Amino acid sequence: MQTTKPLLATALLLSLAACGGGGGGGGAFPIAAAPAPAAAPVAQAPAPTPVLADELPPPPPAPDDGVSPPAPAPAPAPVEPPAPPVPKTWKDADCSRTGLTLTACSVDFSDNNSTVTVVSEGGVVDAVQLESIAKAKATSRSLNNGVFGNKAVYGISFLHKLALADYPGIAFEAKLNTSAGGDTTIEDDLYVTTTVSPNCDGLSYINLITLIRDMEPQPTADGYFRYSVKPGEAKWYRTGANTYPVSGGPVLLNGVLNQLQPHGPAMALDAFLGAFPKACIWNFQNPTTQVPGGITPALDFNLGDSETVTNKKAWVKSIVIGDKVVF
């Protein structure tokens, strides 16, 4: 029975060693250490998908630092349309000319054997020459003024519809022919006619005349004299058979060109304007004239009259209406 105890002890020791127990005595068998388990492989994240620029989210708003962003620029103010041009007046008339030609605002409106031309008078200065050639009366009326005689007429038309109350008058230099050769020019031969519509409607007319003999001539140079007439001066006549106006104040009597009719002293236009405050200067339509525009110019320089049959000549220059230079 004693033989079994050593066997049991041996078995017990082996069992403890197998279980890792027991002390570290020198008599024990060495035990091999079990290998460490292999580390599990680490899973890697998939590569990021590239994002296009236009797919990027907007940046986060800037932190509020208490400073307001700049205000947007104001919208441009609307552009104002240009102002309409100022209506042209008689002062804007084109009175230009080239060389020895009449100005663009005037015309030769002579009758029968008469002419109006621009000449280099005396070789010194240009002037408008009015000339009638000795000739018997025509057998039919002239196309321009309807007369049988020979009358030189220098017409100016740009004053159409100018209120007579606003007419500033006219000034000019003139010289009469004094040479020999049968010339019959006298002071009464040169005058200015202004045609007026009493009610500024073109339904009726009156001719007002001013003669140079009433214009207090002032000598200038080369035989010329300076003449002028204004509406307020008593230097106006009316031609025709009847006094006009027909009532009130001093009447504007007939002119002196027709000596067969009674005539009185010249007068100012105040009485006329008192009776016809709307009166204006008027270019009347002329069915017979061959002058472009088919009108009778409202303002005319006349040399001679409807009865003229002799030689007459005069020169006119430096024509000014108000501050408008005509020639």
Foldseek 3Di string as FASTA:
>chain_A
DVVVVVVVVVVVVVVQVVVVDDDDDPVDDDDDDDDDDDDDDDDDDDDDDDDDPVRDDDDDDDDCPPDDDDDDDDDDDDDDDDDDDDDDALLPDFQDDDDWAGGPQKDWQWFDQWTWTWDCVPVPRIWIKTKGAFAAFAPFAGLRPGFRATKTKMFGASQAQPFLVPFFWKKWKKAWDDDDDFADFDQQQKKKWAWKDLQSPLPDIWIKIFTQVPFPWDDDDPRITMGIDGLQDQGIATADADWPPPDDDDTRFHDPPPVVHDGDGGGHCPGSCVVRVNMGTHWHARPRDPPPPRTRHRMMIMGHDSRDNHITMMIIAQMQGPNRTND
